[in-house]
Amino acid sequence: MTQPPQGTDWAARADEGRRLAAYAGDPAADTVLLALLLDASDSAVSRRTAEALARTGSPAAARLLTEALARADAALGDWIETGVEDATAPTPTR
């Protein structure tokens, strides 16, 4: 659990971010989560990992999101912010 899945498609990496979000605060999980938040190969991984972290509402998750935003370029930062917004948006009704 010290590195994000290598050689996997974006959906598998995003799933790993969602799975690990509950473990934010664990040093090994934080290393992987930060790498997934800063995934330069696919912004969907960053967005979905950010959403999962924001849904936890934990201080450790907030710290990871803040660190990722500080390290991300503007475009990736926008995707991280979108993931947080996804977590807080009301569920659409039909």
PDB file of N, CA and C in Angstrom:
ATOM      1  N   MET A   1       0.826  -1.200   0.000  1.00  0.00           N
ATOM      2  CA  MET A   1       0.000   0.000   0.000  1.00  0.00           C
ATOM      3  C   MET A   1       0.865   1.257   0.000  1.00  0.00           C
ATOM      4  N   THR A   2       2.085   1.196  -0.486  1.00  0.00           N
ATOM      5  CA  THR A   2       2.938   2.368  -0.464  1.00  0.00           C
ATOM      6  C   THR A   2       3.003   3.091  -1.795  1.00  0.00           C
ATOM      7  N   GLN A   3       2.475   2.499  -2.844  1.00  0.00           N
ATOM      8  CA  GLN A   3       2.479   3.142  -4.152  1.00  0.00           C
ATOM      9  C   GLN A   3       1.143   2.902  -4.821  1.00  0.00           C
ATOM     10  N   PRO A   4       0.693   3.888  -5.654  1.00  0.00           N
ATOM     11  CA  PRO A   4      -0.545   3.653  -6.392  1.00  0.00           C
ATOM     12  C   PRO A   4      -0.365   2.514  -7.375  1.00  0.00           C
ATOM     13  N   PRO A   5      -1.452   1.873  -7.764  1.00  0.00           N
ATOM     14  CA  PRO A   5      -1.344   0.767  -8.715  1.00  0.00           C
ATOM     15  C   PRO A   5      -0.683   1.230 -10.013  1.00  0.00           C
ATOM     16  N   GLN A   6       0.345   0.534 -10.405  1.00  0.00           N
ATOM     17  CA  GLN A   6       1.055   0.871 -11.635  1.00  0.00           C
ATOM     18  C   GLN A   6       0.519   0.020 -12.773  1.00  0.00           C
ATOM     19  N   GLY A   7       0.496   0.593 -13.974  1.00  0.00           N
ATOM     20  CA  GLY A   7       0.090  -0.159 -15.143  1.00  0.00           C
ATOM     21  C   GLY A   7      -1.392  -0.496 -15.152  1.00  0.00           C
ATOM     22  N   THR A   8      -2.165   0.201 -14.350  1.00  0.00           N
ATOM     23  CA  THR A   8      -3.596  -0.047 -14.313  1.00  0.00           C
ATOM     24  C   THR A   8      -4.327   1.102 -14.987  1.00  0.00           C
ATOM     25  N   ASP A   9      -5.542   0.827 -15.385  1.00  0.00           N
ATOM     26  CA  ASP A   9      -6.304   1.884 -16.038  1.00  0.00           C
ATOM     27  C   ASP A   9      -6.780   2.899 -15.006  1.00  0.00           C
ATOM     28  N   TRP A  10      -7.284   4.016 -15.489  1.00  0.00           N
ATOM     29  CA  TRP A  10      -7.680   5.102 -14.599  1.00  0.00           C
ATOM     30  C   TRP A  10      -8.763   4.672 -13.623  1.00  0.00           C
ATOM     31  N   ALA A  11      -9.677   3.823 -14.058  1.00  0.00           N
ATOM     32  CA  ALA A  11     -10.772   3.406 -13.174  1.00  0.00           C
ATOM     33  C   ALA A  11     -10.247   2.610 -11.981  1.00  0.00           C
ATOM     34  N   ALA A  12      -9.246   1.775 -12.198  1.00  0.00           N
ATOM     35  CA  ALA A  12      -8.662   1.011 -11.090  1.00  0.00           C
ATOM     36  C   ALA A  12      -7.946   1.938 -10.118  1.00  0.00           C
ATOM     37  N   ARG A  13      -7.250   2.949 -10.647  1.00  0.00           N
ATOM     38  CA  ARG A  13      -6.574   3.905  -9.771  1.00  0.00           C
ATOM     39  C   ARG A  13      -7.599   4.723  -8.994  1.00  0.00           C
ATOM     40  N   ALA A  14      -8.677   5.134  -9.643  1.00  0.00           N
ATOM     41  CA  ALA A  14      -9.737   5.889  -8.949  1.00  0.00           C
ATOM     42  C   ALA A  14     -10.392   5.023  -7.876  1.00  0.00           C
ATOM     43  N   ASP A  15     -10.619   3.759  -8.172  1.00  0.00           N
ATOM     44  CA  ASP A  15     -11.176   2.837  -7.171  1.00  0.00           C
ATOM     45  C   ASP A  15     -10.250   2.726  -5.964  1.00  0.00           C
ATOM     46  N   GLU A  16      -8.964   2.686  -6.205  1.00  0.00           N
ATOM     47  CA  GLU A  16      -7.999   2.618  -5.106  1.00  0.00           C
ATOM     48  C   GLU A  16      -8.088   3.874  -4.241  1.00  0.00           C
ATOM     49  N   GLY A  17      -8.248   5.030  -4.866  1.00  0.00           N
ATOM     50  CA  GLY A  17      -8.418   6.270  -4.107  1.00  0.00           C
ATOM     51  C   GLY A  17      -9.664   6.243  -3.244  1.00  0.00           C
ATOM     52  N   ARG A  18     -10.761   5.748  -3.813  1.00  0.00           N
ATOM     53  CA  ARG A  18     -12.006   5.644  -3.033  1.00  0.00           C
ATOM     54  C   ARG A  18     -11.839   4.658  -1.887  1.00  0.00           C
ATOM     55  N   ARG A  19     -11.174   3.551  -2.134  1.00  0.00           N
ATOM     56  CA  ARG A  19     -10.982   2.537  -1.104  1.00  0.00           C
ATOM     57  C   ARG A  19     -10.102   3.054   0.032  1.00  0.00           C
ATOM     58  N   LEU A  20      -9.034   3.763  -0.320  1.00  0.00           N
ATOM     59  CA  LEU A  20      -8.081   4.225   0.685  1.00  0.00           C
ATOM     60  C   LEU A  20      -8.533   5.478   1.433  1.00  0.00           C
ATOM     61  N   ALA A  21      -9.518   6.188   0.938  1.00  0.00           N
ATOM     62  CA  ALA A  21      -9.944   7.441   1.581  1.00  0.00           C
ATOM     63  C   ALA A  21     -10.288   7.232   3.054  1.00  0.00           C
ATOM     64  N   ALA A  22     -10.868   6.108   3.375  1.00  0.00           N
ATOM     65  CA  ALA A  22     -11.233   5.816   4.766  1.00  0.00           C
ATOM     66  C   ALA A  22     -10.003   5.680   5.661  1.00  0.00           C
ATOM     67  N   TYR A  23      -8.835   5.476   5.067  1.00  0.00           N
ATOM     68  CA  TYR A  23      -7.608   5.284   5.832  1.00  0.00           C
ATOM     69  C   TYR A  23      -6.745   6.543   5.872  1.00  0.00           C
ATOM     70  N   ALA A  24      -7.294   7.680   5.449  1.00  0.00           N
ATOM     71  CA  ALA A  24      -6.538   8.936   5.495  1.00  0.00           C
ATOM     72  C   ALA A  24      -6.042   9.143   6.921  1.00  0.00           C
ATOM     73  N   GLY A  25      -4.774   9.509   7.028  1.00  0.00           N
ATOM     74  CA  GLY A  25      -4.143   9.662   8.323  1.00  0.00           C
ATOM     75  C   GLY A  25      -3.135   8.560   8.592  1.00  0.00           C
ATOM     76  N   ASP A  26      -3.295   7.432   7.930  1.00  0.00           N
ATOM     77  CA  ASP A  26      -2.309   6.355   8.002  1.00  0.00           C
ATOM     78  C   ASP A  26      -1.176   6.735   7.049  1.00  0.00           C
ATOM     79  N   PRO A  27       0.054   6.770   7.511  1.00  0.00           N
ATOM     80  CA  PRO A  27       1.149   7.237   6.646  1.00  0.00           C
ATOM     81  C   PRO A  27       1.257   6.511   5.305  1.00  0.00           C
ATOM     82  N   ALA A  28       1.093   5.195   5.307  1.00  0.00           N
ATOM     83  CA  ALA A  28       1.195   4.453   4.041  1.00  0.00           C
ATOM     84  C   ALA A  28       0.055   4.819   3.107  1.00  0.00           C
ATOM     85  N   ALA A  29      -1.150   4.929   3.628  1.00  0.00           N
ATOM     86  CA  ALA A  29      -2.303   5.319   2.806  1.00  0.00           C
ATOM     87  C   ALA A  29      -2.138   6.744   2.305  1.00  0.00           C
ATOM     88  N   ASP A  30      -1.645   7.631   3.154  1.00  0.00           N
ATOM     89  CA  ASP A  30      -1.480   9.031   2.752  1.00  0.00           C
ATOM     90  C   ASP A  30      -0.519   9.175   1.586  1.00  0.00           C
ATOM     91  N   THR A  31       0.523   8.369   1.563  1.00  0.00           N
ATOM     92  CA  THR A  31       1.480   8.411   0.452  1.00  0.00           C
ATOM     93  C   THR A  31       0.786   8.069  -0.859  1.00  0.00           C
ATOM     94  N   VAL A  32      -0.013   7.032  -0.841  1.00  0.00           N
ATOM     95  CA  VAL A  32      -0.727   6.608  -2.048  1.00  0.00           C
ATOM     96  C   VAL A  32      -1.804   7.622  -2.409  1.00  0.00           C
ATOM     97  N   LEU A  33      -2.559   8.080  -1.427  1.00  0.00           N
ATOM     98  CA  LEU A  33      -3.637   9.046  -1.699  1.00  0.00           C
ATOM     99  C   LEU A  33      -3.087  10.326  -2.307  1.00  0.00           C
ATOM    100  N   LEU A  34      -1.978  10.823  -1.785  1.00  0.00           N
ATOM    101  CA  LEU A  34      -1.402  12.038  -2.347  1.00  0.00           C
ATOM    102  C   LEU A  34      -0.954  11.798  -3.788  1.00  0.00           C
ATOM    103  N   ALA A  35      -0.359  10.646  -4.058  1.00  0.00           N
ATOM    104  CA  ALA A  35       0.046  10.331  -5.438  1.00  0.00           C
ATOM    105  C   ALA A  35      -1.170  10.255  -6.354  1.00  0.00           C
ATOM    106  N   LEU A  36      -2.270   9.699  -5.869  1.00  0.00           N
ATOM    107  CA  LEU A  36      -3.483   9.613  -6.684  1.00  0.00           C
ATOM    108  C   LEU A  36      -4.107  10.989  -6.894  1.00  0.00           C
ATOM    109  N   LEU A  37      -4.079  11.833  -5.871  1.00  0.00           N
ATOM    110  CA  LEU A  37      -4.582  13.189  -6.040  1.00  0.00           C
ATOM    111  C   LEU A  37      -3.778  13.955  -7.079  1.00  0.00           C
ATOM    112  N   LEU A  38      -2.501  13.677  -7.143  1.00  0.00           N
ATOM    113  CA  LEU A  38      -1.605  14.385  -8.067  1.00  0.00           C
ATOM    114  C   LEU A  38      -1.332  13.583  -9.334  1.00  0.00           C
ATOM    115  N   ASP A  39      -2.216  12.647  -9.671  1.00  0.00           N
ATOM    116  CA  ASP A  39      -2.065  11.780 -10.851  1.00  0.00           C
ATOM    117  C   ASP A  39      -2.102  12.633 -12.116  1.00  0.00           C
ATOM    118  N   ALA A  40      -0.946  12.826 -12.712  1.00  0.00           N
ATOM    119  CA  ALA A  40      -0.855  13.665 -13.904  1.00  0.00           C
ATOM    120  C   ALA A  40      -1.347  12.961 -15.157  1.00  0.00           C
ATOM    121  N   SER A  41      -1.512  11.648 -15.106  1.00  0.00           N
ATOM    122  CA  SER A  41      -1.896  10.922 -16.309  1.00  0.00           C
ATOM    123  C   SER A  41      -3.401  10.932 -16.550  1.00  0.00           C
ATOM    124  N   ASP A  42      -4.203  11.208 -15.515  1.00  0.00           N
ATOM    125  CA  ASP A  42      -5.652  11.246 -15.716  1.00  0.00           C
ATOM    126  C   ASP A  42      -6.323  12.037 -14.605  1.00  0.00           C
ATOM    127  N   SER A  43      -6.915  13.160 -14.958  1.00  0.00           N
ATOM    128  CA  SER A  43      -7.553  14.030 -13.966  1.00  0.00           C
ATOM    129  C   SER A  43      -8.758  13.376 -13.294  1.00  0.00           C
ATOM    130  N   ALA A  44      -9.353  12.366 -13.911  1.00  0.00           N
ATOM    131  CA  ALA A  44     -10.483  11.671 -13.290  1.00  0.00           C
ATOM    132  C   ALA A  44     -10.049  10.966 -12.012  1.00  0.00           C
ATOM    133  N   VAL A  45      -8.820  10.484 -11.965  1.00  0.00           N
ATOM    134  CA  VAL A  45      -8.302   9.848 -10.755  1.00  0.00           C
ATOM    135  C   VAL A  45      -8.223  10.881  -9.638  1.00  0.00           C
ATOM    136  N   SER A  46      -7.685  12.052  -9.955  1.00  0.00           N
ATOM    137  CA  SER A  46      -7.588  13.125  -8.966  1.00  0.00           C
ATOM    138  C   SER A  46      -8.971  13.536  -8.478  1.00  0.00           C
ATOM    139  N   ARG A  47      -9.881  13.722  -9.405  1.00  0.00           N
ATOM    140  CA  ARG A  47     -11.234  14.168  -9.059  1.00  0.00           C
ATOM    141  C   ARG A  47     -11.948  13.165  -8.162  1.00  0.00           C
ATOM    142  N   ARG A  48     -11.901  11.910  -8.518  1.00  0.00           N
ATOM    143  CA  ARG A  48     -12.624  10.890  -7.735  1.00  0.00           C
ATOM    144  C   ARG A  48     -11.970  10.623  -6.391  1.00  0.00           C
ATOM    145  N   THR A  49     -10.658  10.701  -6.328  1.00  0.00           N
ATOM    146  CA  THR A  49      -9.977  10.548  -5.045  1.00  0.00           C
ATOM    147  C   THR A  49     -10.312  11.731  -4.142  1.00  0.00           C
ATOM    148  N   ALA A  50     -10.313  12.936  -4.702  1.00  0.00           N
ATOM    149  CA  ALA A  50     -10.674  14.124  -3.924  1.00  0.00           C
ATOM    150  C   ALA A  50     -12.108  14.024  -3.412  1.00  0.00           C
ATOM    151  N   GLU A  51     -13.007  13.558  -4.251  1.00  0.00           N
ATOM    152  CA  GLU A  51     -14.403  13.396  -3.831  1.00  0.00           C
ATOM    153  C   GLU A  51     -14.499  12.417  -2.660  1.00  0.00           C
ATOM    154  N   ALA A  52     -13.817  11.293  -2.758  1.00  0.00           N
ATOM    155  CA  ALA A  52     -13.865  10.288  -1.694  1.00  0.00           C
ATOM    156  C   ALA A  52     -13.295  10.842  -0.393  1.00  0.00           C
ATOM    157  N   LEU A  53     -12.196  11.572  -0.488  1.00  0.00           N
ATOM    158  CA  LEU A  53     -11.616  12.164   0.712  1.00  0.00           C
ATOM    159  C   LEU A  53     -12.550  13.200   1.325  1.00  0.00           C
ATOM    160  N   ALA A  54     -13.141  14.041   0.487  1.00  0.00           N
ATOM    161  CA  ALA A  54     -14.049  15.068   1.002  1.00  0.00           C
ATOM    162  C   ALA A  54     -15.257  14.441   1.676  1.00  0.00           C
ATOM    163  N   ARG A  55     -15.727  13.335   1.160  1.00  0.00           N
ATOM    164  CA  ARG A  55     -16.880  12.656   1.772  1.00  0.00           C
ATOM    165  C   ARG A  55     -16.565  12.127   3.170  1.00  0.00           C
ATOM    166  N   THR A  56     -15.302  11.812   3.453  1.00  0.00           N
ATOM    167  CA  THR A  56     -14.967  11.322   4.790  1.00  0.00           C
ATOM    168  C   THR A  56     -15.109  12.436   5.824  1.00  0.00           C
ATOM    169  N   GLY A  57     -14.811  13.651   5.422  1.00  0.00           N
ATOM    170  CA  GLY A  57     -14.936  14.786   6.339  1.00  0.00           C
ATOM    171  C   GLY A  57     -13.908  14.791   7.464  1.00  0.00           C
ATOM    172  N   SER A  58     -12.883  13.968   7.357  1.00  0.00           N
ATOM    173  CA  SER A  58     -11.905  13.878   8.439  1.00  0.00           C
ATOM    174  C   SER A  58     -10.837  14.973   8.316  1.00  0.00           C
ATOM    175  N   PRO A  59     -10.258  15.366   9.437  1.00  0.00           N
ATOM    176  CA  PRO A  59      -9.150  16.317   9.383  1.00  0.00           C
ATOM    177  C   PRO A  59      -7.978  15.798   8.549  1.00  0.00           C
ATOM    178  N   ALA A  60      -7.711  14.502   8.615  1.00  0.00           N
ATOM    179  CA  ALA A  60      -6.608  13.930   7.824  1.00  0.00           C
ATOM    180  C   ALA A  60      -6.888  14.068   6.331  1.00  0.00           C
ATOM    181  N   ALA A  61      -8.140  13.856   5.934  1.00  0.00           N
ATOM    182  CA  ALA A  61      -8.507  14.008   4.527  1.00  0.00           C
ATOM    183  C   ALA A  61      -8.363  15.468   4.095  1.00  0.00           C
ATOM    184  N   ALA A  62      -8.790  16.383   4.949  1.00  0.00           N
ATOM    185  CA  ALA A  62      -8.665  17.812   4.627  1.00  0.00           C
ATOM    186  C   ALA A  62      -7.197  18.196   4.470  1.00  0.00           C
ATOM    187  N   ARG A  63      -6.338  17.648   5.322  1.00  0.00           N
ATOM    188  CA  ARG A  63      -4.911  17.932   5.216  1.00  0.00           C
ATOM    189  C   ARG A  63      -4.349  17.446   3.883  1.00  0.00           C
ATOM    190  N   LEU A  64      -4.738  16.252   3.466  1.00  0.00           N
ATOM    191  CA  LEU A  64      -4.273  15.719   2.182  1.00  0.00           C
ATOM    192  C   LEU A  64      -4.755  16.580   1.024  1.00  0.00           C
ATOM    193  N   LEU A  65      -6.012  16.979   1.069  1.00  0.00           N
ATOM    194  CA  LEU A  65      -6.554  17.822  -0.006  1.00  0.00           C
ATOM    195  C   LEU A  65      -5.824  19.157  -0.066  1.00  0.00           C
ATOM    196  N   THR A  66      -5.554  19.733   1.086  1.00  0.00           N
ATOM    197  CA  THR A  66      -4.838  21.012   1.134  1.00  0.00           C
ATOM    198  C   THR A  66      -3.425  20.867   0.584  1.00  0.00           C
ATOM    199  N   GLU A  67      -2.757  19.789   0.975  1.00  0.00           N
ATOM    200  CA  GLU A  67      -1.398  19.558   0.480  1.00  0.00           C
ATOM    201  C   GLU A  67      -1.395  19.348  -1.038  1.00  0.00           C
ATOM    202  N   ALA A  68      -2.352  18.567  -1.532  1.00  0.00           N
ATOM    203  CA  ALA A  68      -2.431  18.328  -2.973  1.00  0.00           C
ATOM    204  C   ALA A  68      -2.688  19.626  -3.732  1.00  0.00           C
ATOM    205  N   LEU A  69      -3.590  20.452  -3.213  1.00  0.00           N
ATOM    206  CA  LEU A  69      -3.863  21.729  -3.887  1.00  0.00           C
ATOM    207  C   LEU A  69      -2.635  22.629  -3.906  1.00  0.00           C
ATOM    208  N   ALA A  70      -1.853  22.597  -2.851  1.00  0.00           N
ATOM    209  CA  ALA A  70      -0.637  23.415  -2.796  1.00  0.00           C
ATOM    210  C   ALA A  70       0.411  22.934  -3.798  1.00  0.00           C
ATOM    211  N   ARG A  71       0.413  21.642  -4.093  1.00  0.00           N
ATOM    212  CA  ARG A  71       1.427  21.068  -4.988  1.00  0.00           C
ATOM    213  C   ARG A  71       0.976  20.965  -6.443  1.00  0.00           C
ATOM    214  N   ALA A  72      -0.320  21.000  -6.686  1.00  0.00           N
ATOM    215  CA  ALA A  72      -0.861  20.807  -8.041  1.00  0.00           C
ATOM    216  C   ALA A  72      -0.696  22.062  -8.891  1.00  0.00           C
ATOM    217  N   ASP A  73      -0.617  21.852 -10.212  1.00  0.00           N
ATOM    218  CA  ASP A  73      -0.680  23.007 -11.104  1.00  0.00           C
ATOM    219  C   ASP A  73      -2.136  23.480 -11.163  1.00  0.00           C
ATOM    220  N   ALA A  74      -2.377  24.591 -11.823  1.00  0.00           N
ATOM    221  CA  ALA A  74      -3.712  25.185 -11.828  1.00  0.00           C
ATOM    222  C   ALA A  74      -4.772  24.250 -12.400  1.00  0.00           C
ATOM    223  N   ALA A  75      -4.455  23.572 -13.483  1.00  0.00           N
ATOM    224  CA  ALA A  75      -5.443  22.700 -14.124  1.00  0.00           C
ATOM    225  C   ALA A  75      -5.805  21.523 -13.217  1.00  0.00           C
ATOM    226  N   LEU A  76      -4.808  20.872 -12.653  1.00  0.00           N
ATOM    227  CA  LEU A  76      -5.081  19.735 -11.770  1.00  0.00           C
ATOM    228  C   LEU A  76      -5.762  20.208 -10.489  1.00  0.00           C
ATOM    229  N   GLY A  77      -5.369  21.371 -10.009  1.00  0.00           N
ATOM    230  CA  GLY A  77      -6.034  21.951  -8.835  1.00  0.00           C
ATOM    231  C   GLY A  77      -7.520  22.151  -9.066  1.00  0.00           C
ATOM    232  N   ASP A  78      -7.871  22.562 -10.280  1.00  0.00           N
ATOM    233  CA  ASP A  78      -9.298  22.719 -10.618  1.00  0.00           C
ATOM    234  C   ASP A  78     -10.036  21.391 -10.520  1.00  0.00           C
ATOM    235  N   TRP A  79      -9.395  20.293 -10.953  1.00  0.00           N
ATOM    236  CA  TRP A  79     -10.035  18.982 -10.888  1.00  0.00           C
ATOM    237  C   TRP A  79     -10.170  18.494  -9.450  1.00  0.00           C
ATOM    238  N   ILE A  80      -9.178  18.786  -8.627  1.00  0.00           N
ATOM    239  CA  ILE A  80      -9.268  18.428  -7.210  1.00  0.00           C
ATOM    240  C   ILE A  80     -10.421  19.192  -6.562  1.00  0.00           C
ATOM    241  N   GLU A  81     -10.512  20.480  -6.846  1.00  0.00           N
ATOM    242  CA  GLU A  81     -11.607  21.289  -6.307  1.00  0.00           C
ATOM    243  C   GLU A  81     -12.963  20.789  -6.808  1.00  0.00           C
ATOM    244  N   THR A  82     -13.024  20.369  -8.061  1.00  0.00           N
ATOM    245  CA  THR A  82     -14.274  19.832  -8.602  1.00  0.00           C
ATOM    246  C   THR A  82     -14.673  18.566  -7.850  1.00  0.00           C
ATOM    247  N   GLY A  83     -13.703  17.721  -7.511  1.00  0.00           N
ATOM    248  CA  GLY A  83     -13.993  16.525  -6.733  1.00  0.00           C
ATOM    249  C   GLY A  83     -14.578  16.865  -5.375  1.00  0.00           C
ATOM    250  N   VAL A  84     -14.031  17.887  -4.723  1.00  0.00           N
ATOM    251  CA  VAL A  84     -14.573  18.326  -3.427  1.00  0.00           C
ATOM    252  C   VAL A  84     -15.996  18.846  -3.618  1.00  0.00           C
ATOM    253  N   GLU A  85     -16.211  19.617  -4.666  1.00  0.00           N
ATOM    254  CA  GLU A  85     -17.568  20.118  -4.950  1.00  0.00           C
ATOM    255  C   GLU A  85     -18.532  18.972  -5.233  1.00  0.00           C
ATOM    256  N   ASP A  86     -18.073  17.940  -5.933  1.00  0.00           N
ATOM    257  CA  ASP A  86     -18.912  16.772  -6.191  1.00  0.00           C
ATOM    258  C   ASP A  86     -19.393  16.135  -4.889  1.00  0.00           C
ATOM    259  N   ALA A  87     -18.513  16.113  -3.900  1.00  0.00           N
ATOM    260  CA  ALA A  87     -18.835  15.494  -2.609  1.00  0.00           C
ATOM    261  C   ALA A  87     -19.867  16.299  -1.835  1.00  0.00           C
ATOM    262  N   THR A  88     -19.913  17.589  -2.067  1.00  0.00           N
ATOM    263  CA  THR A  88     -20.796  18.450  -1.286  1.00  0.00           C
ATOM    264  C   THR A  88     -22.059  18.848  -2.039  1.00  0.00           C
ATOM    265  N   ALA A  89     -22.131  18.502  -3.304  1.00  0.00           N
ATOM    266  CA  ALA A  89     -23.306  18.868  -4.107  1.00  0.00           C
ATOM    267  C   ALA A  89     -24.503  18.008  -3.721  1.00  0.00           C
ATOM    268  N   PRO A  90     -25.685  18.596  -3.699  1.00  0.00           N
ATOM    269  CA  PRO A  90     -26.863  17.784  -3.405  1.00  0.00           C
ATOM    270  C   PRO A  90     -27.094  16.763  -4.508  1.00  0.00           C
ATOM    271  N   THR A  91     -27.646  15.635  -4.126  1.00  0.00           N
ATOM    272  CA  THR A  91     -27.955  14.589  -5.090  1.00  0.00           C
ATOM    273  C   THR A  91     -29.113  15.046  -5.968  1.00  0.00           C
ATOM    274  N   PRO A  92     -28.949  14.968  -7.286  1.00  0.00           N
ATOM    275  CA  PRO A  92     -30.035  15.410  -8.161  1.00  0.00           C
ATOM    276  C   PRO A  92     -31.275  14.522  -7.988  1.00  0.00           C
ATOM    277  N   THR A  93     -32.417  15.132  -8.068  1.00  0.00           N
ATOM    278  CA  THR A  93     -33.676  14.384  -7.996  1.00  0.00           C
ATOM    279  C   THR A  93     -34.347  14.443  -9.352  1.00  0.00           C
ATOM    280  N   ARG A  94     -35.178  13.452  -9.595  1.00  0.00           N
ATOM    281  CA  ARG A  94     -35.883  13.410 -10.882  1.00  0.00           C
ATOM    282  C   ARG A  94     -37.286  13.883 -10.709  1.00  0.00           C
TER     283      ARG A  94
END
